[in-house]
PDB file of N, CA and C in Angstrom:
ATOM      1  N   MET A   1     -21.726  13.838  27.999  1.00  0.00           N
ATOM      2  CA  MET A   1     -21.859  14.924  28.949  1.00  0.00           C
ATOM      3  C   MET A   1     -22.836  15.985  28.424  1.00  0.00           C
ATOM      4  N   ASN A   2     -22.753  16.325  27.137  1.00  0.00           N
ATOM      5  CA  ASN A   2     -23.668  17.311  26.565  1.00  0.00           C
ATOM      6  C   ASN A   2     -25.108  16.835  26.606  1.00  0.00           C
ATOM      7  N   VAL A   3     -25.314  15.524  26.458  1.00  0.00           N
ATOM      8  CA  VAL A   3     -26.661  14.965  26.521  1.00  0.00           C
ATOM      9  C   VAL A   3     -27.240  15.170  27.911  1.00  0.00           C
ATOM     10  N   LYS A   4     -26.436  14.928  28.934  1.00  0.00           N
ATOM     11  CA  LYS A   4     -26.886  15.098  30.320  1.00  0.00           C
ATOM     12  C   LYS A   4     -27.224  16.562  30.592  1.00  0.00           C
ATOM     13  N   ILE A   5     -26.407  17.461  30.081  1.00  0.00           N
ATOM     14  CA  ILE A   5     -26.666  18.894  30.260  1.00  0.00           C
ATOM     15  C   ILE A   5     -27.988  19.266  29.597  1.00  0.00           C
ATOM     16  N   ALA A   6     -28.216  18.763  28.398  1.00  0.00           N
ATOM     17  CA  ALA A   6     -29.469  19.045  27.695  1.00  0.00           C
ATOM     18  C   ALA A   6     -30.665  18.487  28.458  1.00  0.00           C
ATOM     19  N   GLU A   7     -30.523  17.280  29.014  1.00  0.00           N
ATOM     20  CA  GLU A   7     -31.602  16.686  29.807  1.00  0.00           C
ATOM     21  C   GLU A   7     -31.902  17.527  31.041  1.00  0.00           C
ATOM     22  N   LEU A   8     -30.847  17.948  31.729  1.00  0.00           N
ATOM     23  CA  LEU A   8     -31.031  18.764  32.932  1.00  0.00           C
ATOM     24  C   LEU A   8     -31.645  20.121  32.589  1.00  0.00           C
ATOM     25  N   ASP A   9     -31.229  20.704  31.468  1.00  0.00           N
ATOM     26  CA  ASP A   9     -31.797  21.977  31.057  1.00  0.00           C
ATOM     27  C   ASP A   9     -33.286  21.824  30.733  1.00  0.00           C
ATOM     28  N   GLY A  10     -33.644  20.738  30.070  1.00  0.00           N
ATOM     29  CA  GLY A  10     -35.052  20.476  29.778  1.00  0.00           C
ATOM     30  C   GLY A  10     -35.867  20.333  31.043  1.00  0.00           C
ATOM     31  N   ARG A  11     -35.325  19.616  32.000  1.00  0.00           N
ATOM     32  CA  ARG A  11     -36.014  19.430  33.288  1.00  0.00           C
ATOM     33  C   ARG A  11     -36.161  20.768  34.014  1.00  0.00           C
ATOM     34  N   LYS A  12     -35.112  21.579  33.945  1.00  0.00           N
ATOM     35  CA  LYS A  12     -35.159  22.902  34.577  1.00  0.00           C
ATOM     36  C   LYS A  12     -36.282  23.737  33.966  1.00  0.00           C
ATOM     37  N   GLN A  13     -36.401  23.715  32.633  1.00  0.00           N
ATOM     38  CA  GLN A  13     -37.451  24.478  31.961  1.00  0.00           C
ATOM     39  C   GLN A  13     -38.837  23.989  32.377  1.00  0.00           C
ATOM     40  N   GLU A  14     -38.998  22.672  32.504  1.00  0.00           N
ATOM     41  CA  GLU A  14     -40.278  22.110  32.954  1.00  0.00           C
ATOM     42  C   GLU A  14     -40.618  22.599  34.357  1.00  0.00           C
ATOM     43  N   LEU A  15     -39.619  22.585  35.233  1.00  0.00           N
ATOM     44  CA  LEU A  15     -39.846  23.023  36.613  1.00  0.00           C
ATOM     45  C   LEU A  15     -40.167  24.514  36.677  1.00  0.00           C
ATOM     46  N   LEU A  16     -39.475  25.312  35.877  1.00  0.00           N
ATOM     47  CA  LEU A  16     -39.760  26.748  35.855  1.00  0.00           C
ATOM     48  C   LEU A  16     -41.176  27.021  35.357  1.00  0.00           C
ATOM     49  N   ALA A  17     -41.613  26.270  34.363  1.00  0.00           N
ATOM     50  CA  ALA A  17     -42.982  26.429  33.865  1.00  0.00           C
ATOM     51  C   ALA A  17     -43.988  26.066  34.948  1.00  0.00           C
ATOM     52  N   ARG A  18     -43.725  25.006  35.682  1.00  0.00           N
ATOM     53  CA  ARG A  18     -44.636  24.591  36.761  1.00  0.00           C
ATOM     54  C   ARG A  18     -44.660  25.634  37.878  1.00  0.00           C
ATOM     55  N   ILE A  19     -43.508  26.183  38.211  1.00  0.00           N
ATOM     56  CA  ILE A  19     -43.442  27.239  39.229  1.00  0.00           C
ATOM     57  C   ILE A  19     -44.272  28.437  38.779  1.00  0.00           C
ATOM     58  N   ALA A  20     -44.169  28.803  37.510  1.00  0.00           N
ATOM     59  CA  ALA A  20     -44.953  29.925  36.984  1.00  0.00           C
ATOM     60  C   ALA A  20     -46.445  29.643  37.101  1.00  0.00           C
ATOM     61  N   GLU A  21     -46.863  28.411  36.801  1.00  0.00           N
ATOM     62  CA  GLU A  21     -48.276  28.041  36.931  1.00  0.00           C
ATOM     63  C   GLU A  21     -48.747  28.175  38.373  1.00  0.00           C
ATOM     64  N   LEU A  22     -47.942  27.689  39.293  1.00  0.00           N
ATOM     65  CA  LEU A  22     -48.318  27.748  40.705  1.00  0.00           C
ATOM     66  C   LEU A  22     -48.346  29.181  41.208  1.00  0.00           C
ATOM     67  N   THR A  23     -47.451  30.011  40.697  1.00  0.00           N
ATOM     68  CA  THR A  23     -47.414  31.410  41.108  1.00  0.00           C
ATOM     69  C   THR A  23     -48.675  32.128  40.664  1.00  0.00           C
ATOM     70  N   VAL A  24     -49.146  31.834  39.460  1.00  0.00           N
ATOM     71  CA  VAL A  24     -50.386  32.450  38.974  1.00  0.00           C
ATOM     72  C   VAL A  24     -51.529  32.109  39.907  1.00  0.00           C
ATOM     73  N   GLU A  25     -51.572  30.868  40.341  1.00  0.00           N
ATOM     74  CA  GLU A  25     -52.631  30.448  41.249  1.00  0.00           C
ATOM     75  C   GLU A  25     -52.531  31.164  42.590  1.00  0.00           C
ATOM     76  N   ALA A  26     -51.328  31.640  42.937  1.00  0.00           N
ATOM     77  CA  ALA A  26     -51.117  32.281  44.225  1.00  0.00           C
ATOM     78  C   ALA A  26     -51.480  33.769  44.212  1.00  0.00           C
ATOM     79  N   ILE A  27     -51.679  34.349  43.032  1.00  0.00           N
ATOM     80  CA  ILE A  27     -52.049  35.762  42.958  1.00  0.00           C
ATOM     81  C   ILE A  27     -53.506  35.901  43.394  1.00  0.00           C
ATOM     82  N   SER A  28     -53.719  36.733  44.383  1.00  0.00           N
ATOM     83  CA  SER A  28     -55.061  36.879  44.945  1.00  0.00           C
ATOM     84  C   SER A  28     -55.951  37.733  44.042  1.00  0.00           C
ATOM     85  N   PRO A  29     -57.263  37.562  44.156  1.00  0.00           N
ATOM     86  CA  PRO A  29     -58.188  38.413  43.396  1.00  0.00           C
ATOM     87  C   PRO A  29     -57.985  39.896  43.704  1.00  0.00           C
ATOM     88  N   GLU A  30     -57.607  40.191  44.940  1.00  0.00           N
ATOM     89  CA  GLU A  30     -57.348  41.586  45.313  1.00  0.00           C
ATOM     90  C   GLU A  30     -56.175  42.145  44.507  1.00  0.00           C
ATOM     91  N   GLN A  31     -55.113  41.341  44.343  1.00  0.00           N
ATOM     92  CA  GLN A  31     -53.960  41.785  43.564  1.00  0.00           C
ATOM     93  C   GLN A  31     -54.341  41.975  42.097  1.00  0.00           C
ATOM     94  N   VAL A  32     -55.150  41.082  41.558  1.00  0.00           N
ATOM     95  CA  VAL A  32     -55.607  41.215  40.173  1.00  0.00           C
ATOM     96  C   VAL A  32     -56.405  42.501  40.013  1.00  0.00           C
ATOM     97  N   SER A  33     -57.269  42.789  40.963  1.00  0.00           N
ATOM     98  CA  SER A  33     -58.062  44.014  40.919  1.00  0.00           C
ATOM     99  C   SER A  33     -57.168  45.247  40.980  1.00  0.00           C
ATOM    100  N   GLN A  34     -56.162  45.199  41.844  1.00  0.00           N
ATOM    101  CA  GLN A  34     -55.240  46.325  41.986  1.00  0.00           C
ATOM    102  C   GLN A  34     -54.467  46.541  40.687  1.00  0.00           C
ATOM    103  N   ILE A  35     -53.995  45.460  40.076  1.00  0.00           N
ATOM    104  CA  ILE A  35     -53.269  45.566  38.812  1.00  0.00           C
ATOM    105  C   ILE A  35     -54.167  46.165  37.740  1.00  0.00           C
ATOM    106  N   SER A  36     -55.395  45.708  37.670  1.00  0.00           N
ATOM    107  CA  SER A  36     -56.338  46.219  36.674  1.00  0.00           C
ATOM    108  C   SER A  36     -56.551  47.716  36.843  1.00  0.00           C
ATOM    109  N   GLY A  37     -56.642  48.159  38.081  1.00  0.00           N
ATOM    110  CA  GLY A  37     -56.802  49.583  38.346  1.00  0.00           C
ATOM    111  C   GLY A  37     -55.601  50.387  37.878  1.00  0.00           C
ATOM    112  N   TYR A  38     -54.407  49.839  38.064  1.00  0.00           N
ATOM    113  CA  TYR A  38     -53.198  50.527  37.609  1.00  0.00           C
ATOM    114  C   TYR A  38     -53.160  50.640  36.088  1.00  0.00           C
ATOM    115  N   LEU A  39     -53.622  49.627  35.397  1.00  0.00           N
ATOM    116  CA  LEU A  39     -53.559  49.640  33.936  1.00  0.00           C
ATOM    117  C   LEU A  39     -54.434  50.728  33.342  1.00  0.00           C
ATOM    118  N   ASP A  40     -55.523  51.070  34.021  1.00  0.00           N
ATOM    119  CA  ASP A  40     -56.408  52.127  33.532  1.00  0.00           C
ATOM    120  C   ASP A  40     -55.742  53.499  33.570  1.00  0.00           C
ATOM    121  N   THR A  41     -54.836  53.707  34.509  1.00  0.00           N
ATOM    122  CA  THR A  41     -54.177  55.007  34.675  1.00  0.00           C
ATOM    123  C   THR A  41     -52.655  54.859  34.677  1.00  0.00           C
ATOM    124  N   TRP A  42     -52.131  53.962  33.855  1.00  0.00           N
ATOM    125  CA  TRP A  42     -50.709  53.606  33.868  1.00  0.00           C
ATOM    126  C   TRP A  42     -49.791  54.823  33.741  1.00  0.00           C
ATOM    127  N   GLU A  43     -50.150  55.795  32.917  1.00  0.00           N
ATOM    128  CA  GLU A  43     -49.296  56.966  32.710  1.00  0.00           C
ATOM    129  C   GLU A  43     -49.103  57.768  33.997  1.00  0.00           C
ATOM    130  N   ASN A  44     -50.063  57.697  34.906  1.00  0.00           N
ATOM    131  CA  ASN A  44     -50.008  58.485  36.135  1.00  0.00           C
ATOM    132  C   ASN A  44     -49.513  57.696  37.345  1.00  0.00           C
ATOM    133  N   VAL A  45     -49.212  56.421  37.160  1.00  0.00           N
ATOM    134  CA  VAL A  45     -48.782  55.566  38.271  1.00  0.00           C
ATOM    135  C   VAL A  45     -47.314  55.843  38.575  1.00  0.00           C
ATOM    136  N   SER A  46     -46.960  55.869  39.864  1.00  0.00           N
ATOM    137  CA  SER A  46     -45.576  56.121  40.260  1.00  0.00           C
ATOM    138  C   SER A  46     -44.671  54.970  39.829  1.00  0.00           C
ATOM    139  N   PHE A  47     -43.375  55.257  39.735  1.00  0.00           N
ATOM    140  CA  PHE A  47     -42.409  54.231  39.335  1.00  0.00           C
ATOM    141  C   PHE A  47     -42.446  53.045  40.291  1.00  0.00           C
ATOM    142  N   ASP A  48     -42.504  53.300  41.598  1.00  0.00           N
ATOM    143  CA  ASP A  48     -42.530  52.207  42.575  1.00  0.00           C
ATOM    144  C   ASP A  48     -43.762  51.324  42.400  1.00  0.00           C
ATOM    145  N   ASP A  49     -44.909  51.932  42.125  1.00  0.00           N
ATOM    146  CA  ASP A  49     -46.116  51.137  41.899  1.00  0.00           C
ATOM    147  C   ASP A  49     -46.024  50.338  40.600  1.00  0.00           C
ATOM    148  N   LYS A  50     -45.417  50.923  39.563  1.00  0.00           N
ATOM    149  CA  LYS A  50     -45.210  50.176  38.320  1.00  0.00           C
ATOM    150  C   LYS A  50     -44.305  48.973  38.575  1.00  0.00           C
ATOM    151  N   ARG A  51     -43.277  49.170  39.376  1.00  0.00           N
ATOM    152  CA  ARG A  51     -42.362  48.076  39.711  1.00  0.00           C
ATOM    153  C   ARG A  51     -43.100  46.971  40.447  1.00  0.00           C
ATOM    154  N   ARG A  52     -43.986  47.339  41.358  1.00  0.00           N
ATOM    155  CA  ARG A  52     -44.771  46.330  42.086  1.00  0.00           C
ATOM    156  C   ARG A  52     -45.654  45.518  41.137  1.00  0.00           C
ATOM    157  N   VAL A  53     -46.263  46.192  40.183  1.00  0.00           N
ATOM    158  CA  VAL A  53     -47.103  45.501  39.199  1.00  0.00           C
ATOM    159  C   VAL A  53     -46.255  44.532  38.387  1.00  0.00           C
ATOM    160  N   VAL A  54     -45.103  44.989  37.939  1.00  0.00           N
ATOM    161  CA  VAL A  54     -44.213  44.123  37.160  1.00  0.00           C
ATOM    162  C   VAL A  54     -43.769  42.929  37.998  1.00  0.00           C
ATOM    163  N   ASP A  55     -43.464  43.144  39.272  1.00  0.00           N
ATOM    164  CA  ASP A  55     -43.071  42.037  40.155  1.00  0.00           C
ATOM    165  C   ASP A  55     -44.175  40.995  40.271  1.00  0.00           C
ATOM    166  N   LEU A  56     -45.425  41.431  40.227  1.00  0.00           N
ATOM    167  CA  LEU A  56     -46.547  40.495  40.306  1.00  0.00           C
ATOM    168  C   LEU A  56     -46.772  39.745  39.000  1.00  0.00           C
ATOM    169  N   MET A  57     -46.356  40.332  37.878  1.00  0.00           N
ATOM    170  CA  MET A  57     -46.682  39.755  36.579  1.00  0.00           C
ATOM    171  C   MET A  57     -45.538  38.997  35.911  1.00  0.00           C
ATOM    172  N   ILE A  58     -44.291  39.279  36.289  1.00  0.00           N
ATOM    173  CA  ILE A  58     -43.139  38.707  35.591  1.00  0.00           C
ATOM    174  C   ILE A  58     -42.281  37.905  36.557  1.00  0.00           C
ATOM    175  N   THR A  59     -41.889  36.708  36.107  1.00  0.00           N
ATOM    176  CA  THR A  59     -40.994  35.867  36.898  1.00  0.00           C
ATOM    177  C   THR A  59     -39.546  36.252  36.643  1.00  0.00           C
ATOM    178  N   THR A  60     -39.138  36.248  35.372  1.00  0.00           N
ATOM    179  CA  THR A  60     -37.761  36.589  35.014  1.00  0.00           C
ATOM    180  C   THR A  60     -37.722  37.359  33.702  1.00  0.00           C
ATOM    181  N   ILE A  61     -36.662  38.150  33.563  1.00  0.00           N
ATOM    182  CA  ILE A  61     -36.358  38.822  32.309  1.00  0.00           C
ATOM    183  C   ILE A  61     -34.906  38.506  31.996  1.00  0.00           C
ATOM    184  N   ALA A  62     -34.672  37.909  30.832  1.00  0.00           N
ATOM    185  CA  ALA A  62     -33.314  37.597  30.390  1.00  0.00           C
ATOM    186  C   ALA A  62     -33.052  38.386  29.116  1.00  0.00           C
ATOM    187  N   ALA A  63     -32.065  39.270  29.171  1.00  0.00           N
ATOM    188  CA  ALA A  63     -31.768  40.112  28.020  1.00  0.00           C
ATOM    189  C   ALA A  63     -30.317  39.929  27.599  1.00  0.00           C
ATOM    190  N   THR A  64     -30.128  39.792  26.303  1.00  0.00           N
ATOM    191  CA  THR A  64     -28.793  39.768  25.715  1.00  0.00           C
ATOM    192  C   THR A  64     -28.779  40.793  24.596  1.00  0.00           C
ATOM    193  N   SER A  65     -27.645  40.927  23.940  1.00  0.00           N
ATOM    194  CA  SER A  65     -27.578  41.872  22.823  1.00  0.00           C
ATOM    195  C   SER A  65     -28.436  41.413  21.649  1.00  0.00           C
ATOM    196  N   ASP A  66     -28.775  40.110  21.623  1.00  0.00           N
ATOM    197  CA  ASP A  66     -29.551  39.560  20.512  1.00  0.00           C
ATOM    198  C   ASP A  66     -31.014  39.297  20.820  1.00  0.00           C
ATOM    199  N   SER A  67     -31.353  39.141  22.090  1.00  0.00           N
ATOM    200  CA  SER A  67     -32.726  38.721  22.385  1.00  0.00           C
ATOM    201  C   SER A  67     -33.204  39.223  23.742  1.00  0.00           C
ATOM    202  N   LEU A  68     -34.510  39.128  23.911  1.00  0.00           N
ATOM    203  CA  LEU A  68     -35.160  39.457  25.173  1.00  0.00           C
ATOM    204  C   LEU A  68     -36.164  38.354  25.456  1.00  0.00           C
ATOM    205  N   ASN A  69     -36.080  37.755  26.642  1.00  0.00           N
ATOM    206  CA  ASN A  69     -36.988  36.672  27.008  1.00  0.00           C
ATOM    207  C   ASN A  69     -37.647  37.020  28.335  1.00  0.00           C
ATOM    208  N   ILE A  70     -38.974  37.117  28.326  1.00  0.00           N
ATOM    209  CA  ILE A  70     -39.737  37.429  29.529  1.00  0.00           C
ATOM    210  C   ILE A  70     -40.550  36.206  29.904  1.00  0.00           C
ATOM    211  N   THR A  71     -40.425  35.771  31.157  1.00  0.00           N
ATOM    212  CA  THR A  71     -41.233  34.668  31.663  1.00  0.00           C
ATOM    213  C   THR A  71     -42.325  35.272  32.531  1.00  0.00           C
ATOM    214  N   TRP A  72     -43.570  35.112  32.072  1.00  0.00           N
ATOM    215  CA  TRP A  72     -44.724  35.711  32.738  1.00  0.00           C
ATOM    216  C   TRP A  72     -45.277  34.797  33.812  1.00  0.00           C
ATOM    217  N   LYS A  73     -45.774  35.390  34.870  1.00  0.00           N
ATOM    218  CA  LYS A  73     -46.474  34.631  35.909  1.00  0.00           C
ATOM    219  C   LYS A  73     -47.918  34.384  35.509  1.00  0.00           C
ATOM    220  N   ILE A  74     -48.427  35.229  34.647  1.00  0.00           N
ATOM    221  CA  ILE A  74     -49.831  35.098  34.255  1.00  0.00           C
ATOM    222  C   ILE A  74     -49.951  34.649  32.825  1.00  0.00           C
TER     223      ILE A  74
END
């Protein structure tokens, strides 16, 4: 049973990586330009705009007391 769980987890990780690759391809040049503009003036960007940028760049964030794992779209 543990072997099957490990196999399924491996397959899940492969699929998540592929989804991340496809998501990067889906980001438009306009969105990339907008993100780049925000990075130049990040300190002055509103919280909502920062959240939008993070939504475009990050797929998942998994945090525990021991670790932090960020899955990037780019």
